[in-house]
Each structure stands twice: as structure tokens, then as C-alpha cells.
Protein backbone atom coordinates (compact mmCIF):
# COMPACT_ATOMS: atom_id res chain seq x y z
CA UNK A 1 -65.89 -10.07 49.74
CA UNK A 2 -65.61 -9.13 45.93
CA UNK A 3 -67.81 -10.21 43.26
CA UNK A 4 -65.22 -12.82 41.96
CA UNK A 5 -65.17 -14.39 45.28
CA UNK A 6 -69.12 -14.48 45.74
CA UNK A 7 -69.59 -16.21 42.08
CA UNK A 8 -66.96 -18.91 43.14
CA UNK A 9 -68.78 -19.60 46.44
CA UNK A 10 -72.15 -19.76 44.78
CA UNK A 11 -70.78 -22.25 42.01
CA UNK A 12 -69.43 -24.53 44.68
CA UNK A 13 -72.53 -24.62 46.76
CA UNK A 14 -74.54 -25.33 43.66
CA UNK A 15 -72.45 -28.17 42.67
CA UNK A 16 -72.60 -29.41 46.15
CA UNK A 17 -76.23 -29.23 46.14
CA UNK A 18 -76.55 -31.01 43.03
CA UNK A 19 -74.21 -33.97 43.87
CA UNK A 20 -73.19 -35.90 46.76
CA UNK A 21 -70.34 -38.41 46.89
CA UNK A 22 -69.90 -41.69 48.74
CA UNK A 23 -66.94 -43.89 48.93
CA UNK A 24 -66.65 -47.17 47.18
CA UNK A 25 -64.22 -49.88 47.93
CA UNK A 26 -62.53 -51.83 45.11
CA UNK A 27 -65.25 -54.18 43.80
CA UNK A 28 -65.24 -57.56 45.45
CA UNK A 29 -64.03 -60.55 43.20
CA UNK A 30 -62.02 -58.28 40.66
CA UNK A 31 -59.86 -60.57 38.99
CA UNK A 32 -57.42 -57.95 38.10
CA UNK A 33 -54.95 -57.03 41.01
CA UNK A 34 -54.03 -53.81 39.22
CA UNK A 35 -57.50 -52.65 38.32
CA UNK A 36 -58.20 -49.18 38.58
CA UNK A 37 -61.64 -49.88 39.86
CA UNK A 38 -63.89 -47.05 41.22
CA UNK A 39 -62.82 -44.76 43.85
CA UNK A 40 -66.15 -43.23 44.85
CA UNK A 41 -69.67 -42.65 43.36
CA UNK A 42 -71.19 -39.25 42.82
CA UNK A 43 -74.96 -39.18 42.72
CA UNK A 44 -76.17 -36.32 40.83
CA UNK A 45 -79.49 -34.74 41.20
CA UNK A 46 -80.46 -33.23 37.90
CA UNK A 47 -83.38 -31.23 38.99
CA UNK A 48 -83.18 -27.77 37.69
CA UNK A 49 -80.65 -28.87 34.99
CA UNK A 50 -77.33 -28.59 36.71
CA UNK A 51 -74.33 -27.98 34.51
CA UNK A 52 -70.88 -29.78 34.90
CA UNK A 53 -67.52 -29.16 33.20
CA UNK A 54 -65.11 -26.38 32.23
CA UNK A 55 -67.18 -25.06 29.41
CA UNK A 56 -69.87 -23.89 32.10
CA UNK A 57 -67.32 -22.55 34.20
CA UNK A 58 -68.70 -24.58 37.38
CA UNK A 59 -66.62 -25.74 40.22
CA UNK A 60 -65.57 -29.23 39.79
CA UNK A 61 -67.16 -32.25 41.47
CA UNK A 62 -63.67 -33.86 41.73
CA UNK A 63 -60.74 -33.70 43.98
CA UNK A 64 -57.18 -33.68 42.38
CA UNK A 65 -56.20 -36.87 41.18
CA UNK A 66 -59.94 -37.94 40.34
CA UNK A 67 -61.30 -38.45 36.61
CA UNK A 68 -64.63 -39.18 35.30
CA UNK A 69 -64.63 -41.42 32.16
CA UNK A 70 -67.04 -40.59 29.49
CA UNK A 71 -67.82 -41.79 26.06
CA UNK A 72 -69.78 -40.29 23.13
CA UNK A 73 -71.47 -41.05 19.93
CA UNK A 74 -71.93 -44.85 20.40
CA UNK A 75 -72.99 -47.78 20.63
CA UNK A 76 -71.06 -49.15 17.53
CA UNK A 77 -69.65 -52.63 16.89
CA UNK A 78 -67.07 -53.55 17.47
CA UNK A 79 -65.54 -50.59 19.06
CA UNK A 80 -68.04 -50.19 22.03
CA UNK A 81 -67.39 -54.08 22.82
CA UNK A 82 -63.74 -53.36 23.13
CA UNK A 83 -64.31 -50.40 25.27
CA UNK A 84 -66.64 -52.41 27.54
CA UNK A 85 -64.01 -55.23 27.86
CA UNK A 86 -61.28 -52.92 28.97
CA UNK A 87 -63.57 -51.23 31.59
CA UNK A 88 -64.50 -54.71 32.77
CA UNK A 89 -60.93 -55.76 33.07
CA UNK A 90 -60.40 -52.71 35.25
CA UNK A 91 -63.52 -53.15 37.07
CA UNK A 92 -64.40 -49.70 36.62
CA UNK A 93 -67.26 -47.50 35.31
CA UNK A 94 -68.06 -44.86 32.82
CA UNK A 95 -70.94 -42.90 31.44
CA UNK A 96 -72.09 -43.21 27.88
CA UNK A 97 -73.77 -40.55 26.01
CA UNK A 98 -75.39 -42.28 23.37
CA UNK A 99 -76.75 -41.06 20.04
CA UNK A 100 -80.36 -42.06 19.64
CA UNK A 101 -80.16 -43.55 16.16
CA UNK A 102 -77.29 -45.55 16.92
CA UNK A 103 -78.85 -47.06 20.01
CA UNK A 104 -81.85 -47.98 18.08
CA UNK A 105 -79.67 -49.70 15.24
CA UNK A 106 -78.01 -51.95 17.94
CA UNK A 107 -80.22 -52.08 21.24
CA UNK A 108 -78.56 -55.42 22.24
CA UNK A 109 -75.28 -53.44 22.62
CA UNK A 110 -77.08 -50.40 24.11
CA UNK A 111 -78.49 -52.86 26.78
CA UNK A 112 -75.25 -54.40 27.46
CA UNK A 113 -73.69 -51.10 28.29
CA UNK A 114 -76.28 -50.73 30.89
CA UNK A 115 -76.06 -54.38 32.02
CA UNK A 116 -72.47 -53.87 32.88
CA UNK A 117 -73.37 -51.19 35.40
CA UNK A 118 -72.41 -48.05 33.23
CA UNK A 119 -74.50 -44.91 33.44
CA UNK A 120 -76.41 -44.10 30.25
CA UNK A 121 -77.16 -40.66 29.06
CA UNK A 122 -77.92 -39.20 25.66
CA UNK A 123 -76.21 -37.20 22.82
CA UNK A 124 -79.27 -36.21 20.79
CA UNK A 125 -81.16 -38.31 18.12
CA UNK A 126 -78.59 -37.73 15.24
CA UNK A 127 -75.80 -35.74 16.31
CA UNK A 128 -76.62 -32.56 14.62
CA UNK A 129 -74.65 -29.46 15.19
CA UNK A 130 -77.18 -27.50 17.11
CA UNK A 131 -75.98 -24.23 15.72
CA UNK A 132 -76.94 -25.18 12.30
CA UNK A 133 -80.52 -25.87 12.91
CA UNK A 134 -83.42 -24.00 14.25
CA UNK A 135 -84.35 -23.87 18.05
CA UNK A 136 -87.51 -26.14 17.55
CA UNK A 137 -85.34 -28.73 15.59
CA UNK A 138 -82.84 -28.63 18.21
CA UNK A 139 -85.07 -29.33 21.19
CA UNK A 140 -86.77 -32.15 19.34
CA UNK A 141 -83.38 -33.56 18.60
CA UNK A 142 -82.97 -33.59 22.40
CA UNK A 143 -86.22 -35.28 23.34
CA UNK A 144 -86.12 -37.84 20.42
CA UNK A 145 -82.73 -38.72 21.58
CA UNK A 146 -84.09 -39.52 25.08
CA UNK A 147 -87.03 -41.72 23.78
CA UNK A 148 -84.88 -43.44 21.43
CA UNK A 149 -81.97 -44.45 23.88
CA UNK A 150 -84.59 -45.18 26.57
CA UNK A 151 -86.51 -47.48 24.16
CA UNK A 152 -83.20 -49.33 23.09
CA UNK A 153 -82.06 -49.82 26.53
CA UNK A 154 -85.29 -51.18 27.61
CA UNK A 155 -84.94 -49.71 31.04
CA UNK A 156 -84.87 -46.04 32.82
CA UNK A 157 -81.98 -43.91 31.77
CA UNK A 158 -79.98 -40.99 33.54
CA UNK A 159 -81.13 -37.68 32.76
CA UNK A 160 -77.85 -36.65 31.70
CA UNK A 161 -77.07 -34.96 28.36
CA UNK A 162 -74.08 -33.73 26.35
CA UNK A 163 -74.36 -31.60 23.49
CA UNK A 164 -72.66 -32.47 20.11
CA UNK A 165 -69.59 -30.62 19.33
CA UNK A 166 -70.33 -28.80 22.66
CA UNK A 167 -72.43 -26.42 21.05
CA UNK A 168 -75.54 -24.96 22.52
CA UNK A 169 -77.39 -21.79 23.56
CA UNK A 170 -79.37 -20.50 26.35
CA UNK A 171 -82.83 -21.79 25.15
CA UNK A 172 -81.40 -25.27 24.68
CA UNK A 173 -80.02 -25.14 28.26
CA UNK A 174 -83.32 -23.60 29.57
CA UNK A 175 -85.23 -26.53 27.93
CA UNK A 176 -82.71 -28.97 29.66
CA UNK A 177 -83.52 -27.20 33.11
CA UNK A 178 -87.16 -27.55 32.50
CA UNK A 179 -86.84 -31.15 31.59
CA UNK A 180 -84.76 -31.71 34.82
CA UNK A 181 -81.83 -32.81 32.82
CA UNK A 182 -78.09 -32.24 33.66
CA UNK A 183 -75.72 -31.00 31.09
CA UNK A 184 -72.18 -32.29 30.90
CA UNK A 185 -69.40 -30.50 29.05
CA UNK A 186 -65.68 -31.72 29.51
CA UNK A 187 -62.41 -30.96 31.16
CA UNK A 188 -59.98 -33.28 28.89
CA UNK A 189 -60.18 -33.82 25.29
CA UNK A 190 -57.81 -35.98 23.75
CA UNK A 191 -59.28 -35.65 20.07
CA UNK A 192 -59.23 -39.06 19.76
CA UNK A 193 -61.34 -38.71 16.32
CA UNK A 194 -58.20 -37.06 14.77
CA UNK A 195 -56.22 -40.02 14.99
CA UNK A 196 -56.22 -43.70 14.31
CA UNK A 197 -53.35 -44.23 16.60
CA UNK A 198 -54.42 -45.84 20.06
CA UNK A 199 -50.84 -44.78 21.49
CA UNK A 200 -51.50 -41.29 20.73
CA UNK A 201 -54.86 -41.23 22.57
CA UNK A 202 -53.03 -42.74 25.72
CA UNK A 203 -50.33 -39.96 25.43
CA UNK A 204 -52.76 -37.23 25.10
CA UNK A 205 -55.15 -38.07 27.99
CA UNK A 206 -52.18 -38.94 30.40
CA UNK A 207 -50.39 -35.43 29.44
CA UNK A 208 -53.59 -33.68 29.85
CA UNK A 209 -54.61 -35.25 33.28
CA UNK A 210 -51.17 -34.46 34.50
CA UNK A 211 -51.68 -30.78 33.72
CA UNK A 212 -55.35 -30.39 34.71
CA UNK A 213 -54.88 -32.82 37.80
CA UNK A 214 -58.72 -33.82 37.57
CA UNK A 215 -61.56 -33.70 35.36
CA UNK A 216 -64.39 -35.13 32.95
CA UNK A 217 -62.56 -37.01 30.24
CA UNK A 218 -64.20 -37.05 26.66
CA UNK A 219 -63.54 -39.94 24.37
CA UNK A 220 -65.62 -41.69 21.75
CA UNK A 221 -66.49 -45.48 21.80
CA UNK A 222 -66.94 -45.39 17.98
CA UNK A 223 -63.40 -44.50 17.33
CA UNK A 224 -60.85 -47.27 16.62
CA UNK A 225 -58.25 -45.11 18.29
CA UNK A 226 -60.01 -45.30 21.63
CA UNK A 227 -61.02 -48.85 21.42
CA UNK A 228 -57.69 -50.05 20.83
CA UNK A 229 -55.89 -47.66 23.49
CA UNK A 230 -58.32 -47.74 26.45
CA UNK A 231 -56.92 -50.67 28.04
CA UNK A 232 -53.59 -49.18 28.05
CA UNK A 233 -54.74 -45.93 29.00
CA UNK A 234 -56.43 -47.44 32.07
CA UNK A 235 -53.21 -49.37 32.94
CA UNK A 236 -51.41 -46.07 32.80
CA UNK A 237 -53.91 -44.02 34.80
CA UNK A 238 -53.68 -46.79 37.53
CA UNK A 239 -49.98 -46.92 37.60
CA UNK A 240 -49.85 -43.07 38.17
CA UNK A 241 -52.21 -43.22 41.04
CA UNK A 242 -55.23 -41.56 39.15
CA UNK A 243 -58.70 -42.36 40.61
CA UNK A 244 -61.86 -42.91 38.70
CA UNK A 245 -65.24 -41.52 40.12
CA UNK A 246 -68.58 -42.92 38.71
CA UNK A 247 -71.50 -40.68 38.12
CA UNK A 248 -74.93 -41.94 38.68
CA UNK A 249 -78.36 -40.15 38.73
CA UNK A 250 -80.95 -39.84 41.70
CA UNK A 251 -83.68 -39.82 39.20
CA UNK A 252 -84.68 -41.23 35.74
CA UNK A 253 -85.05 -39.24 32.56
CA UNK A 254 -88.60 -38.31 31.38
CA UNK A 255 -89.53 -38.86 27.76
CA UNK A 256 -92.11 -37.49 25.37
CA UNK A 257 -95.19 -39.64 24.56
CA UNK A 258 -95.35 -39.13 20.82
CA UNK A 259 -91.53 -39.48 20.24
CA UNK A 260 -91.80 -42.84 22.26
CA UNK A 261 -94.62 -43.82 19.87
CA UNK A 262 -92.36 -42.98 16.94
CA UNK A 263 -89.53 -45.37 18.27
CA UNK A 264 -91.64 -48.02 19.21
CA UNK A 265 -92.38 -48.77 15.52
CA UNK A 266 -90.82 -51.80 14.03
CA UNK A 267 -87.65 -51.51 11.92
CA UNK A 268 -86.77 -53.32 8.87
CA UNK A 269 -83.29 -54.47 8.47
CA UNK A 270 -82.76 -51.67 5.69
CA UNK A 271 -84.03 -48.98 8.30
CA UNK A 272 -81.77 -50.47 10.92
CA UNK A 273 -78.68 -50.28 8.67
CA UNK A 274 -79.66 -46.99 7.67
CA UNK A 275 -79.68 -45.71 11.24
CA UNK A 276 -76.11 -46.49 11.86
CA UNK A 277 -74.70 -44.14 9.41
CA UNK A 278 -74.09 -40.62 9.66
CA UNK A 279 -75.94 -39.87 6.55
CA UNK A 280 -78.57 -37.30 5.41
CA UNK A 281 -81.22 -39.01 6.99
CA UNK A 282 -83.02 -36.86 9.44
CA UNK A 283 -86.71 -37.34 10.54
CA UNK A 284 -87.32 -34.10 12.23
CA UNK A 285 -88.34 -31.02 10.17
CA UNK A 286 -86.69 -27.61 10.92
CA UNK A 287 -89.65 -26.68 12.82
CA UNK A 288 -89.30 -29.50 15.12
CA UNK A 289 -91.94 -31.75 13.79
CA UNK A 290 -91.28 -35.44 13.53
CA UNK A 291 -91.58 -37.12 10.11
CA UNK A 292 -91.00 -40.71 9.55
CA UNK A 293 -89.09 -41.56 6.57
CA UNK A 294 -87.87 -44.88 7.74
CA UNK A 295 -87.97 -47.34 4.70
CA UNK A 296 -90.84 -49.79 5.23
CA UNK A 297 -92.99 -47.47 7.75
CA UNK A 298 -95.71 -45.02 6.74
CA UNK A 299 -95.04 -41.35 6.69
CA UNK A 300 -96.40 -39.76 9.78
CA UNK A 301 -95.95 -36.31 11.16
CA UNK A 302 -96.06 -35.66 14.95
CA UNK A 303 -96.22 -32.26 16.68
CA UNK A 304 -93.02 -30.99 18.47
CA UNK A 305 -92.57 -31.51 22.18
CA UNK A 306 -95.69 -33.00 23.37
CA UNK A 307 -96.33 -33.60 27.04
CA UNK A 308 -93.86 -35.69 29.00
CA UNK A 309 -94.17 -39.28 30.14
CA UNK A 310 -92.45 -40.87 33.27
CA UNK A 311 -90.94 -44.45 33.10
């Protein structure tokens, strides 16, 4: 067997060890007779930091005709609520990669995502492009994001992570592996942030699913185009016989104690408003130290990457 064949088999075996699928019937009591539902659940073991998606050149977890719904950058009113309503109408589930500061700005909405049975992962603290900051800063962005989302949800979250802009390096991936966090890339991107037209998002997803046959779909629950088009998209996917697979974790994400302490600080209304914006407010230094600059709180510095805490 040639080297290419050995690599392909090894990738398949790694994916098989990292996840196991279980069949799941249409949810009982679903009011929508044409709901897309959930065809099966894949339980992902994040030990060692497995990687999923085309960017990592790993074998797909999916069969032809299957997709995984994922949403980045939220939560954000009112768009996340629109997405949740469409998913509920179709009795289906998705994975939400939340930005830490957005989750802290609206913990009730973050909790609602989890309450409805969706999987919650993270997408850094503040959605920085990791190629523009130091390694220490980048790793702190990852760790603070986990603390913020876990605190906002008020319950354990999945050890699932996606890099903003899909930008990372081997040091960041090694950090995820040491933290037993799975890294998720994508297979299908409708570029929903480039348009405000929901119909365009629907057309692009449907066209790309037809070409790829299967894959992890990237959307953004902060975009009005996705919020306005998600119900029509699910209608169309269901009509075409596409099946939704739900990702869940076999374990829970660990967090860092001092970052937990930072996000536990009470927020003023002004601070909460500031957290919702993509502004110049970054509480992390380039070395990865955490400096509290939230209005109404004392200026405090914490060392980067202290010991982990289990919840």
C-alpha cells in the first residue's frame, strides 16, 4: 500500500476512535410533520484534541446526505432567537461556537441555547484574528473564552472550539490537544456575512451541499441574513432529503481558575453594553496577561494560563 493510502486509512481510524454514532428517531411530539429532525447523534471524545473539517484534511464523520449545523459569533439578540425558533420548529439541533464576551453580555440567551438542547462550544473571548497577536495572547483568548461561556451558560459546556477566521498555528492546536479540546473547521461556507439577503444564503448552502454531498455547515447567528433565512433553508434541506447530525461531547470542558475569577466579577450595565460590541476593548495583554479594564471594576492583572479547574 502506498503512502497516500496509509494516510487515508490512519485518518479514518482516528476519526472513528474520536467519535461514535448512534441512531436517533424523529423526536416524539414534534408538531411539524415536515421537520428535518435529527437523523443521528455523534458522540465526540475530545481527548487529545481531535480535529474535524476540510481544513484539517481529516476523513469526514458523515455519510453522503448528512450535514452538521454550526453557528459562530453569538449569542446576539434578536438574531440568535430567530435561529433558535427555526431550529425548534424543525425539531433539530446544532452546535453554537459562542464568543465569550457576547455570552457574558447576554447570559440568559446563552442559557437558552443550551436549554433547548444545542451543543455549546467556544470561539475565543473576543474574536481576535489569531495571526495578528502573540502566541501567549492567543492561548489566553482561548482559555478566557471557555471561562466566559461556561460562566454565562451556568453549566458545563462541550470541549469544542473553532478558530476565528479559521486561522491557527501548530502551537495553538497543541494547546487545544493538551486541554483535550476538539478543533472544528468547516466544509460548507455560504459567506452569510457578505450579504443581507436571506434567499442568497439559502441558495448558497443548498448549492454547496449538492456539490459536497455532506459536511459541516458554517453559519453565523449574529447575521440577519442567516436569521432571516434559516427556516427556509431547513425547509429546503428537508425537501431534498438531507439529514442533520447532532454533535455532542463525551466529556466537559475544563477552565482556568483565575479566568473563572475574572468572569465572575459583577458587571455594570455600561460594561455589559461594551461587551456586545466588536470594539477596541481587549482585556488581554500581548503577553497573554489578563487586565481588567471593564468600567466599574478595579484594574487587576492575572498571570497567563494558570492551572485548570474541572466543573
